[in-house]
Amino acid sequence: MSTPPSPAASSPPPPPHPGGPAKPAKREITLISHSMLFYWWPIWLLGFILALVTYFEDHRLAVVPPGSKVSEVSKDDKETVYRLAVSNPPTRSLTAAEEATKASGDNQVFPTRVSTRVWMAPVFCVVLLLTVVITNVPLRGLWSFLVLLLMVVIALLITLIPDGWDKLLSALGHLHIYINMAGYLFIATVVFILWAVSVFIFDQRTYIIITPGQIQVCEHVGASIRNFDTTGLVFEKQRDDLFRHWLLGFFSGDLIVKTAGAERETIRLPNVLWISWRLEEVQGLLREKATVNVT
């Protein structure tokens, strides 16, 4: 005599979840502190751009002694001939140009490339100096906004005036600033190398690793790694510096971590990228530990 199958045995298996297997929660978050060199990327980026502009513009630089005079000799559809009268002895630039002209072959008479755009070198110098000031003089809150607004208004006024930069520099005793292509490349390359070494090597050794139960802290290169429990841990983001954190730092921020327990410590982690978004991840990770402890 056969027994009927039990309801449990005859029931079909439950259908698979429509969303597939649940994605495991992130169990570790690393917050990296960057040095002030991280904010120097506009210098090398603008330097390479202006070097390319100077290269394709292909104007050349000639150095002449004081009292030199230029007069037009002849002109046709293909070329214009000028007469250059200089005092003796002529500059090395003119001597080298004369030798290159007499030599056979396609020799470049004036090899140094320089742009005729008056605004390029002053803008590069302003960006360089502003970056140095911004990364060394913190301006938070309203002061940062007012200084930024003032600089934008002044730059717009000079730009809106026809030949504004040229007139301004001419009024200052013809103190025009010219940087040749090699000058842009040298500054941009050196700053880029320092920036890359700092961001991708040294900065990676200043961090906080957060897990549901504890955090590991290394506050500077060569320091020992310290462990703290996450119970009672407080994360605080300092007030933003509009220049550093918004304009140059991809919404970075300075982080303060306060530990609890018998030996309370305050850990400072400056220049953490995307700090608001990363703090939301950290709070979710800490809530996960709290939920596990309650259950």
C-alpha atoms as a PDB file:
ATOM      1  CA  MET A   1       0.000   0.000   0.000  1.00  0.00           C
ATOM      2  CA  SER A   2       1.588   3.262  -1.144  1.00  0.00           C
ATOM      3  CA  THR A   3       1.453   6.441   0.915  1.00  0.00           C
ATOM      4  CA  PRO A   4       0.449   9.716  -0.738  1.00  0.00           C
ATOM      5  CA  PRO A   5       3.272  12.249  -1.057  1.00  0.00           C
ATOM      6  CA  SER A   6       3.400  14.918   1.586  1.00  0.00           C
ATOM      7  CA  PRO A   7       2.372  18.451   0.579  1.00  0.00           C
ATOM      8  CA  ALA A   8       5.898  19.660   1.249  1.00  0.00           C
ATOM      9  CA  ALA A   9       7.390  17.075  -1.079  1.00  0.00           C
ATOM     10  CA  SER A  10       4.932  17.753  -3.908  1.00  0.00           C
ATOM     11  CA  SER A  11       5.173  21.566  -3.806  1.00  0.00           C
ATOM     12  CA  PRO A  12       7.376  23.082  -6.512  1.00  0.00           C
ATOM     13  CA  PRO A  13      10.544  24.913  -5.515  1.00  0.00           C
ATOM     14  CA  PRO A  14      10.155  28.653  -4.966  1.00  0.00           C
ATOM     15  CA  PRO A  15      10.846  30.757  -8.060  1.00  0.00           C
ATOM     16  CA  PRO A  16      14.180  32.543  -8.188  1.00  0.00           C
ATOM     17  CA  HIS A  17      14.286  36.143  -7.052  1.00  0.00           C
ATOM     18  CA  PRO A  18      13.630  38.398 -10.063  1.00  0.00           C
ATOM     19  CA  GLY A  19      16.533  40.617  -9.159  1.00  0.00           C
ATOM     20  CA  GLY A  20      19.044  37.772  -8.993  1.00  0.00           C
ATOM     21  CA  PRO A  21      21.307  37.150  -6.013  1.00  0.00           C
ATOM     22  CA  ALA A  22      21.549  39.977  -3.536  1.00  0.00           C
ATOM     23  CA  LYS A  23      24.628  42.168  -3.975  1.00  0.00           C
ATOM     24  CA  PRO A  24      26.881  41.938  -0.930  1.00  0.00           C
ATOM     25  CA  ALA A  25      27.229  45.120   1.043  1.00  0.00           C
ATOM     26  CA  LYS A  26      30.499  47.014   0.916  1.00  0.00           C
ATOM     27  CA  ARG A  27      32.543  45.851   3.910  1.00  0.00           C
ATOM     28  CA  GLU A  28      35.497  48.261   3.745  1.00  0.00           C
ATOM     29  CA  ILE A  29      35.864  51.962   2.918  1.00  0.00           C
ATOM     30  CA  THR A  30      39.192  53.721   2.462  1.00  0.00           C
ATOM     31  CA  LEU A  31      39.468  57.490   2.896  1.00  0.00           C
ATOM     32  CA  ILE A  32      42.709  58.922   1.514  1.00  0.00           C
ATOM     33  CA  SER A  33      44.127  62.257   2.612  1.00  0.00           C
ATOM     34  CA  HIS A  34      45.829  64.286  -0.122  1.00  0.00           C
ATOM     35  CA  SER A  35      48.565  66.868   0.248  1.00  0.00           C
ATOM     36  CA  MET A  36      48.228  70.442  -0.997  1.00  0.00           C
ATOM     37  CA  LEU A  37      50.064  69.459  -4.181  1.00  0.00           C
ATOM     38  CA  PHE A  38      46.859  67.764  -5.317  1.00  0.00           C
ATOM     39  CA  TYR A  39      45.360  71.211  -5.987  1.00  0.00           C
ATOM     40  CA  TRP A  40      48.215  72.194  -8.310  1.00  0.00           C
ATOM     41  CA  TRP A  41      46.749  70.374 -11.322  1.00  0.00           C
ATOM     42  CA  PRO A  42      45.624  73.647 -13.039  1.00  0.00           C
ATOM     43  CA  ILE A  43      49.289  74.699 -13.334  1.00  0.00           C
ATOM     44  CA  TRP A  44      50.489  71.702 -15.319  1.00  0.00           C
ATOM     45  CA  LEU A  45      47.262  71.397 -17.300  1.00  0.00           C
ATOM     46  CA  LEU A  46      47.268  75.060 -18.378  1.00  0.00           C
ATOM     47  CA  GLY A  47      51.021  74.918 -19.019  1.00  0.00           C
ATOM     48  CA  PHE A  48      50.667  72.008 -21.460  1.00  0.00           C
ATOM     49  CA  ILE A  49      47.717  73.696 -23.198  1.00  0.00           C
ATOM     50  CA  LEU A  50      49.571  76.987 -23.667  1.00  0.00           C
ATOM     51  CA  ALA A  51      52.669  75.119 -24.885  1.00  0.00           C
ATOM     52  CA  LEU A  52      50.541  73.447 -27.565  1.00  0.00           C
ATOM     53  CA  VAL A  53      49.014  76.785 -28.560  1.00  0.00           C
ATOM     54  CA  THR A  54      52.498  78.298 -28.849  1.00  0.00           C
ATOM     55  CA  TYR A  55      53.717  75.332 -30.902  1.00  0.00           C
ATOM     56  CA  PHE A  56      50.932  75.477 -33.490  1.00  0.00           C
ATOM     57  CA  GLU A  57      50.973  79.273 -33.622  1.00  0.00           C
ATOM     58  CA  ASP A  58      54.665  78.964 -34.649  1.00  0.00           C
ATOM     59  CA  HIS A  59      55.831  82.530 -34.089  1.00  0.00           C
ATOM     60  CA  ARG A  60      59.542  83.013 -33.404  1.00  0.00           C
ATOM     61  CA  LEU A  61      61.545  85.116 -30.982  1.00  0.00           C
ATOM     62  CA  ALA A  62      64.451  87.422 -31.939  1.00  0.00           C
ATOM     63  CA  VAL A  63      66.520  89.259 -29.315  1.00  0.00           C
ATOM     64  CA  VAL A  64      67.881  92.628 -30.511  1.00  0.00           C
ATOM     65  CA  PRO A  65      70.037  95.200 -28.696  1.00  0.00           C
ATOM     66  CA  PRO A  66      68.640  98.577 -27.564  1.00  0.00           C
ATOM     67  CA  GLY A  67      68.315 101.283 -30.204  1.00  0.00           C
ATOM     68  CA  SER A  68      67.580  98.816 -33.014  1.00  0.00           C
ATOM     69  CA  LYS A  69      65.604 100.147 -35.963  1.00  0.00           C
ATOM     70  CA  VAL A  70      63.498  98.242 -38.499  1.00  0.00           C
ATOM     71  CA  SER A  71      62.499  99.613 -41.908  1.00  0.00           C
ATOM     72  CA  GLU A  72      60.684  98.034 -44.827  1.00  0.00           C
ATOM     73  CA  VAL A  73      62.802  97.584 -47.947  1.00  0.00           C
ATOM     74  CA  SER A  74      60.525  95.828 -50.420  1.00  0.00           C
ATOM     75  CA  LYS A  75      57.254  93.957 -50.493  1.00  0.00           C
ATOM     76  CA  ASP A  76      55.545  91.594 -52.932  1.00  0.00           C
ATOM     77  CA  ASP A  77      52.859  88.919 -52.822  1.00  0.00           C
ATOM     78  CA  LYS A  78      55.173  86.274 -51.334  1.00  0.00           C
ATOM     79  CA  GLU A  79      57.376  88.088 -48.821  1.00  0.00           C
ATOM     80  CA  THR A  80      58.264  91.377 -47.228  1.00  0.00           C
ATOM     81  CA  VAL A  81      61.912  92.377 -46.852  1.00  0.00           C
ATOM     82  CA  TYR A  82      62.951  94.447 -43.820  1.00  0.00           C
ATOM     83  CA  ARG A  83      66.188  96.146 -42.944  1.00  0.00           C
ATOM     84  CA  LEU A  84      67.310  95.769 -39.343  1.00  0.00           C
ATOM     85  CA  ALA A  85      69.921  98.211 -38.050  1.00  0.00           C
ATOM     86  CA  VAL A  86      71.465  97.339 -34.676  1.00  0.00           C
ATOM     87  CA  SER A  87      74.290  98.691 -32.579  1.00  0.00           C
ATOM     88  CA  ASN A  88      77.578  96.818 -32.361  1.00  0.00           C
ATOM     89  CA  PRO A  89      78.152  94.231 -31.174  1.00  0.00           C
ATOM     90  CA  PRO A  90      74.932  92.458 -32.207  1.00  0.00           C
ATOM     91  CA  THR A  91      73.226  89.993 -29.895  1.00  0.00           C
ATOM     92  CA  ARG A  92      73.973  86.307 -30.003  1.00  0.00           C
ATOM     93  CA  SER A  93      70.457  85.702 -31.335  1.00  0.00           C
ATOM     94  CA  LEU A  94      71.118  87.825 -34.434  1.00  0.00           C
ATOM     95  CA  THR A  95      74.555  86.293 -34.994  1.00  0.00           C
ATOM     96  CA  ALA A  96      73.097  82.769 -34.865  1.00  0.00           C
ATOM     97  CA  ALA A  97      70.276  83.862 -37.194  1.00  0.00           C
ATOM     98  CA  GLU A  98      72.787  85.216 -39.711  1.00  0.00           C
ATOM     99  CA  GLU A  99      74.785  81.984 -39.654  1.00  0.00           C
ATOM    100  CA  ALA A 100      71.633  79.883 -40.061  1.00  0.00           C
ATOM    101  CA  THR A 101      70.550  82.020 -43.014  1.00  0.00           C
ATOM    102  CA  LYS A 102      73.877  81.581 -44.824  1.00  0.00           C
ATOM    103  CA  ALA A 103      74.061  77.837 -44.146  1.00  0.00           C
ATOM    104  CA  SER A 104      72.624  75.431 -46.682  1.00  0.00           C
ATOM    105  CA  GLY A 105      69.593  73.361 -45.852  1.00  0.00           C
ATOM    106  CA  ASP A 106      66.325  74.055 -44.105  1.00  0.00           C
ATOM    107  CA  ASN A 107      67.774  75.561 -40.925  1.00  0.00           C
ATOM    108  CA  GLN A 108      65.496  77.460 -38.575  1.00  0.00           C
ATOM    109  CA  VAL A 109      66.780  81.021 -38.292  1.00  0.00           C
ATOM    110  CA  PHE A 110      64.911  81.770 -35.075  1.00  0.00           C
ATOM    111  CA  PRO A 111      64.272  78.429 -33.270  1.00  0.00           C
ATOM    112  CA  THR A 112      62.607  79.792 -30.117  1.00  0.00           C
ATOM    113  CA  ARG A 113      58.807  79.619 -30.304  1.00  0.00           C
ATOM    114  CA  VAL A 114      56.805  82.336 -28.523  1.00  0.00           C
ATOM    115  CA  SER A 115      53.176  83.383 -28.836  1.00  0.00           C
ATOM    116  CA  THR A 116      52.111  86.882 -29.838  1.00  0.00           C
ATOM    117  CA  ARG A 117      48.959  86.653 -27.718  1.00  0.00           C
ATOM    118  CA  VAL A 118      49.468  89.196 -24.949  1.00  0.00           C
ATOM    119  CA  TRP A 119      47.134  87.553 -22.437  1.00  0.00           C
ATOM    120  CA  MET A 120      48.657  84.040 -22.365  1.00  0.00           C
ATOM    121  CA  ALA A 121      51.689  84.542 -20.128  1.00  0.00           C
ATOM    122  CA  PRO A 122      49.921  86.914 -17.656  1.00  0.00           C
ATOM    123  CA  VAL A 123      47.037  84.453 -17.277  1.00  0.00           C
ATOM    124  CA  PHE A 124      49.458  81.586 -16.658  1.00  0.00           C
ATOM    125  CA  CYS A 125      51.322  83.628 -14.035  1.00  0.00           C
ATOM    126  CA  VAL A 126      48.042  84.624 -12.342  1.00  0.00           C
ATOM    127  CA  VAL A 127      46.859  80.993 -12.226  1.00  0.00           C
ATOM    128  CA  LEU A 128      50.210  79.878 -10.820  1.00  0.00           C
ATOM    129  CA  LEU A 129      50.266  82.559  -8.101  1.00  0.00           C
ATOM    130  CA  LEU A 130      46.588  82.071  -7.210  1.00  0.00           C
ATOM    131  CA  THR A 131      47.108  78.334  -6.835  1.00  0.00           C
ATOM    132  CA  VAL A 132      50.054  78.922  -4.501  1.00  0.00           C
ATOM    133  CA  VAL A 133      48.018  81.386  -2.398  1.00  0.00           C
ATOM    134  CA  ILE A 134      44.873  79.235  -2.350  1.00  0.00           C
ATOM    135  CA  THR A 135      46.762  76.174  -1.131  1.00  0.00           C
ATOM    136  CA  ASN A 136      48.540  78.072   1.642  1.00  0.00           C
ATOM    137  CA  VAL A 137      45.981  80.653   2.847  1.00  0.00           C
ATOM    138  CA  PRO A 138      42.666  79.001   3.792  1.00  0.00           C
ATOM    139  CA  LEU A 139      39.586  81.136   3.120  1.00  0.00           C
ATOM    140  CA  ARG A 140      36.392  79.550   4.361  1.00  0.00           C
ATOM    141  CA  GLY A 141      32.774  80.566   3.999  1.00  0.00           C
ATOM    142  CA  LEU A 142      31.816  84.124   3.037  1.00  0.00           C
ATOM    143  CA  TRP A 143      35.374  85.436   2.726  1.00  0.00           C
ATOM    144  CA  SER A 144      36.186  82.821   0.102  1.00  0.00           C
ATOM    145  CA  PHE A 145      33.096  83.767  -1.915  1.00  0.00           C
ATOM    146  CA  LEU A 146      33.817  87.517  -1.764  1.00  0.00           C
ATOM    147  CA  VAL A 147      37.432  87.145  -2.879  1.00  0.00           C
ATOM    148  CA  LEU A 148      36.396  84.893  -5.761  1.00  0.00           C
ATOM    149  CA  LEU A 149      33.664  87.312  -6.857  1.00  0.00           C
ATOM    150  CA  LEU A 150      36.081  90.259  -6.769  1.00  0.00           C
ATOM    151  CA  MET A 151      38.658  88.472  -8.945  1.00  0.00           C
ATOM    152  CA  VAL A 152      36.025  87.427 -11.494  1.00  0.00           C
ATOM    153  CA  VAL A 153      34.682  91.005 -11.766  1.00  0.00           C
ATOM    154  CA  ILE A 154      38.184  92.473 -12.257  1.00  0.00           C
ATOM    155  CA  ALA A 155      39.082  89.871 -14.901  1.00  0.00           C
ATOM    156  CA  LEU A 156      35.818  90.495 -16.777  1.00  0.00           C
ATOM    157  CA  LEU A 157      36.343  94.263 -16.771  1.00  0.00           C
ATOM    158  CA  ILE A 158      39.844  93.921 -18.209  1.00  0.00           C
ATOM    159  CA  THR A 159      38.667  91.420 -20.825  1.00  0.00           C
ATOM    160  CA  LEU A 160      35.653  93.482 -21.937  1.00  0.00           C
ATOM    161  CA  ILE A 161      37.845  96.497 -22.681  1.00  0.00           C
ATOM    162  CA  PRO A 162      39.244  96.233 -26.261  1.00  0.00           C
ATOM    163  CA  ASP A 163      42.897  95.170 -25.944  1.00  0.00           C
ATOM    164  CA  GLY A 164      42.453  95.478 -22.185  1.00  0.00           C
ATOM    165  CA  TRP A 165      45.403  93.337 -21.170  1.00  0.00           C
ATOM    166  CA  ASP A 166      47.692  95.035 -23.699  1.00  0.00           C
ATOM    167  CA  LYS A 167      46.705  98.510 -22.499  1.00  0.00           C
ATOM    168  CA  LEU A 168      47.104  97.539 -18.847  1.00  0.00           C
ATOM    169  CA  LEU A 169      50.607  96.160 -19.354  1.00  0.00           C
ATOM    170  CA  SER A 170      51.596  99.095 -21.570  1.00  0.00           C
ATOM    171  CA  ALA A 171      50.512 101.497 -18.835  1.00  0.00           C
ATOM    172  CA  LEU A 172      52.856  99.674 -16.452  1.00  0.00           C
ATOM    173  CA  GLY A 173      55.919 100.665 -18.464  1.00  0.00           C
ATOM    174  CA  HIS A 174      55.404  98.113 -21.273  1.00  0.00           C
ATOM    175  CA  LEU A 175      55.999  95.284 -18.827  1.00  0.00           C
ATOM    176  CA  HIS A 176      54.607  92.660 -21.150  1.00  0.00           C
ATOM    177  CA  ILE A 177      55.110  89.088 -20.021  1.00  0.00           C
ATOM    178  CA  TYR A 178      56.227  86.571 -22.628  1.00  0.00           C
ATOM    179  CA  ILE A 179      56.933  82.893 -21.952  1.00  0.00           C
ATOM    180  CA  ASN A 180      58.256  80.731 -24.763  1.00  0.00           C
ATOM    181  CA  MET A 181      57.147  77.173 -25.410  1.00  0.00           C
ATOM    182  CA  ALA A 182      60.083  75.704 -23.504  1.00  0.00           C
ATOM    183  CA  GLY A 183      59.152  77.794 -20.448  1.00  0.00           C
ATOM    184  CA  TYR A 184      55.598  76.441 -20.406  1.00  0.00           C
ATOM    185  CA  LEU A 185      56.822  72.874 -20.933  1.00  0.00           C
ATOM    186  CA  PHE A 186      59.484  73.061 -18.228  1.00  0.00           C
ATOM    187  CA  ILE A 187      57.139  74.408 -15.536  1.00  0.00           C
ATOM    188  CA  ALA A 188      54.262  72.110 -16.530  1.00  0.00           C
ATOM    189  CA  THR A 189      56.444  68.979 -16.676  1.00  0.00           C
ATOM    190  CA  VAL A 190      58.132  69.555 -13.317  1.00  0.00           C
ATOM    191  CA  VAL A 191      54.824  70.337 -11.576  1.00  0.00           C
ATOM    192  CA  PHE A 192      53.151  67.321 -13.218  1.00  0.00           C
ATOM    193  CA  ILE A 193      55.884  64.947 -12.026  1.00  0.00           C
ATOM    194  CA  LEU A 194      55.672  66.303  -8.461  1.00  0.00           C
ATOM    195  CA  TRP A 195      51.861  66.142  -8.591  1.00  0.00           C
ATOM    196  CA  ALA A 196      51.786  62.554  -9.908  1.00  0.00           C
ATOM    197  CA  VAL A 197      54.331  61.266  -7.373  1.00  0.00           C
ATOM    198  CA  SER A 198      52.472  62.955  -4.531  1.00  0.00           C
ATOM    199  CA  VAL A 199      48.950  61.864  -5.550  1.00  0.00           C
ATOM    200  CA  PHE A 200      49.634  58.293  -6.666  1.00  0.00           C
ATOM    201  CA  ILE A 201      52.470  57.298  -4.309  1.00  0.00           C
ATOM    202  CA  PHE A 202      52.850  59.349  -1.118  1.00  0.00           C
ATOM    203  CA  ASP A 203      49.192  60.298  -0.607  1.00  0.00           C
ATOM    204  CA  GLN A 204      48.181  56.634  -0.771  1.00  0.00           C
ATOM    205  CA  ARG A 205      50.028  56.113   2.530  1.00  0.00           C
ATOM    206  CA  THR A 206      47.900  58.586   4.508  1.00  0.00           C
ATOM    207  CA  TYR A 207      44.505  57.011   5.000  1.00  0.00           C
ATOM    208  CA  ILE A 208      41.710  55.674   7.198  1.00  0.00           C
ATOM    209  CA  ILE A 209      40.298  52.203   6.478  1.00  0.00           C
ATOM    210  CA  ILE A 210      36.820  51.754   7.929  1.00  0.00           C
ATOM    211  CA  THR A 211      35.208  48.361   8.508  1.00  0.00           C
ATOM    212  CA  PRO A 212      31.981  47.589  10.420  1.00  0.00           C
ATOM    213  CA  GLY A 213      33.920  46.883  13.626  1.00  0.00           C
ATOM    214  CA  GLN A 214      37.030  49.051  13.613  1.00  0.00           C
ATOM    215  CA  ILE A 215      39.078  51.659  11.777  1.00  0.00           C
ATOM    216  CA  GLN A 216      42.760  51.616  10.832  1.00  0.00           C
ATOM    217  CA  VAL A 217      44.510  54.988  10.794  1.00  0.00           C
ATOM    218  CA  CYS A 218      47.800  56.052   9.223  1.00  0.00           C
ATOM    219  CA  GLU A 219      48.122  59.820   9.634  1.00  0.00           C
ATOM    220  CA  HIS A 220      51.312  60.430   7.644  1.00  0.00           C
ATOM    221  CA  VAL A 221      53.914  58.646   5.546  1.00  0.00           C
ATOM    222  CA  GLY A 222      56.006  56.302   7.684  1.00  0.00           C
ATOM    223  CA  ALA A 223      53.677  56.419  10.694  1.00  0.00           C
ATOM    224  CA  SER A 224      52.481  53.280  12.441  1.00  0.00           C
ATOM    225  CA  ILE A 225      48.971  51.981  11.778  1.00  0.00           C
ATOM    226  CA  ARG A 226      46.627  52.409  14.758  1.00  0.00           C
ATOM    227  CA  ASN A 227      43.345  50.601  15.322  1.00  0.00           C
ATOM    228  CA  PHE A 228      40.224  52.065  16.960  1.00  0.00           C
ATOM    229  CA  ASP A 229      36.795  50.657  17.672  1.00  0.00           C
ATOM    230  CA  THR A 230      33.910  52.261  15.781  1.00  0.00           C
ATOM    231  CA  THR A 231      31.705  52.471  18.878  1.00  0.00           C
ATOM    232  CA  GLY A 232      30.973  56.135  19.580  1.00  0.00           C
ATOM    233  CA  LEU A 233      33.008  57.252  16.565  1.00  0.00           C
ATOM    234  CA  VAL A 234      32.147  60.774  15.346  1.00  0.00           C
ATOM    235  CA  PHE A 235      32.876  62.062  11.823  1.00  0.00           C
ATOM    236  CA  GLU A 236      32.881  65.806  11.235  1.00  0.00           C
ATOM    237  CA  LYS A 237      33.430  67.678   7.976  1.00  0.00           C
ATOM    238  CA  GLN A 238      34.996  71.108   8.340  1.00  0.00           C
ATOM    239  CA  ARG A 239      33.475  74.124   6.685  1.00  0.00           C
ATOM    240  CA  ASP A 240      34.272  74.240   2.986  1.00  0.00           C
ATOM    241  CA  ASP A 241      36.970  76.386   1.427  1.00  0.00           C
ATOM    242  CA  LEU A 242      35.349  77.489  -1.850  1.00  0.00           C
ATOM    243  CA  PHE A 243      38.648  77.783  -3.702  1.00  0.00           C
ATOM    244  CA  ARG A 244      40.309  74.560  -2.637  1.00  0.00           C
ATOM    245  CA  HIS A 245      37.385  72.237  -2.092  1.00  0.00           C
ATOM    246  CA  TRP A 246      35.045  73.290  -4.898  1.00  0.00           C
ATOM    247  CA  LEU A 247      37.099  74.843  -7.692  1.00  0.00           C
ATOM    248  CA  LEU A 248      40.268  72.748  -7.464  1.00  0.00           C
ATOM    249  CA  GLY A 249      39.441  69.754  -5.289  1.00  0.00           C
ATOM    250  CA  PHE A 250      36.470  68.000  -6.936  1.00  0.00           C
ATOM    251  CA  PHE A 251      34.233  68.656  -3.901  1.00  0.00           C
ATOM    252  CA  SER A 252      36.871  67.578  -1.441  1.00  0.00           C
ATOM    253  CA  GLY A 253      36.894  68.497   2.235  1.00  0.00           C
ATOM    254  CA  ASP A 254      38.764  68.281   5.515  1.00  0.00           C
ATOM    255  CA  LEU A 255      37.627  65.439   7.771  1.00  0.00           C
ATOM    256  CA  ILE A 256      37.857  65.272  11.576  1.00  0.00           C
ATOM    257  CA  VAL A 257      37.380  61.895  13.303  1.00  0.00           C
ATOM    258  CA  LYS A 258      36.824  61.794  17.086  1.00  0.00           C
ATOM    259  CA  THR A 259      37.197  58.503  18.890  1.00  0.00           C
ATOM    260  CA  ALA A 260      35.411  57.439  22.087  1.00  0.00           C
ATOM    261  CA  GLY A 261      36.575  55.456  25.089  1.00  0.00           C
ATOM    262  CA  ALA A 262      39.144  56.061  27.802  1.00  0.00           C
ATOM    263  CA  GLU A 263      41.760  57.550  25.456  1.00  0.00           C
ATOM    264  CA  ARG A 264      39.902  59.902  23.182  1.00  0.00           C
ATOM    265  CA  GLU A 265      41.757  61.174  20.164  1.00  0.00           C
ATOM    266  CA  THR A 266      41.072  63.636  17.357  1.00  0.00           C
ATOM    267  CA  ILE A 267      42.282  62.515  13.939  1.00  0.00           C
ATOM    268  CA  ARG A 268      42.493  65.061  11.130  1.00  0.00           C
ATOM    269  CA  LEU A 269      42.395  63.968   7.524  1.00  0.00           C
ATOM    270  CA  PRO A 270      42.690  66.954   5.155  1.00  0.00           C
ATOM    271  CA  ASN A 271      41.684  67.036   1.503  1.00  0.00           C
ATOM    272  CA  VAL A 272      39.504  63.935   1.158  1.00  0.00           C
ATOM    273  CA  LEU A 273      37.941  63.722  -2.312  1.00  0.00           C
ATOM    274  CA  TRP A 274      34.135  63.636  -2.688  1.00  0.00           C
ATOM    275  CA  ILE A 275      33.866  63.823   1.063  1.00  0.00           C
ATOM    276  CA  SER A 276      30.064  64.204   1.320  1.00  0.00           C
ATOM    277  CA  TRP A 277      29.418  61.100  -0.762  1.00  0.00           C
ATOM    278  CA  ARG A 278      32.097  59.113   1.072  1.00  0.00           C
ATOM    279  CA  LEU A 279      30.669  60.082   4.473  1.00  0.00           C
ATOM    280  CA  GLU A 280      27.277  58.720   3.418  1.00  0.00           C
ATOM    281  CA  GLU A 281      28.974  55.397   2.659  1.00  0.00           C
ATOM    282  CA  VAL A 282      30.704  55.450   6.050  1.00  0.00           C
ATOM    283  CA  GLN A 283      27.460  56.145   7.907  1.00  0.00           C
ATOM    284  CA  GLY A 284      25.804  53.230   6.096  1.00  0.00           C
ATOM    285  CA  LEU A 285      28.658  50.953   7.101  1.00  0.00           C
ATOM    286  CA  LEU A 286      28.439  52.020  10.752  1.00  0.00           C
ATOM    287  CA  ARG A 287      24.659  51.520  10.755  1.00  0.00           C
ATOM    288  CA  GLU A 288      25.273  47.977   9.530  1.00  0.00           C
ATOM    289  CA  LYS A 289      27.376  47.250  12.612  1.00  0.00           C
ATOM    290  CA  ALA A 290      24.724  48.765  14.878  1.00  0.00           C
ATOM    291  CA  THR A 291      22.044  46.568  13.317  1.00  0.00           C
ATOM    292  CA  VAL A 292      24.131  43.443  13.820  1.00  0.00           C
ATOM    293  CA  ASN A 293      24.751  44.301  17.464  1.00  0.00           C
ATOM    294  CA  VAL A 294      21.021  44.833  18.148  1.00  0.00           C
ATOM    295  CA  THR A 295      19.998  41.549  16.578  1.00  0.00           C
END
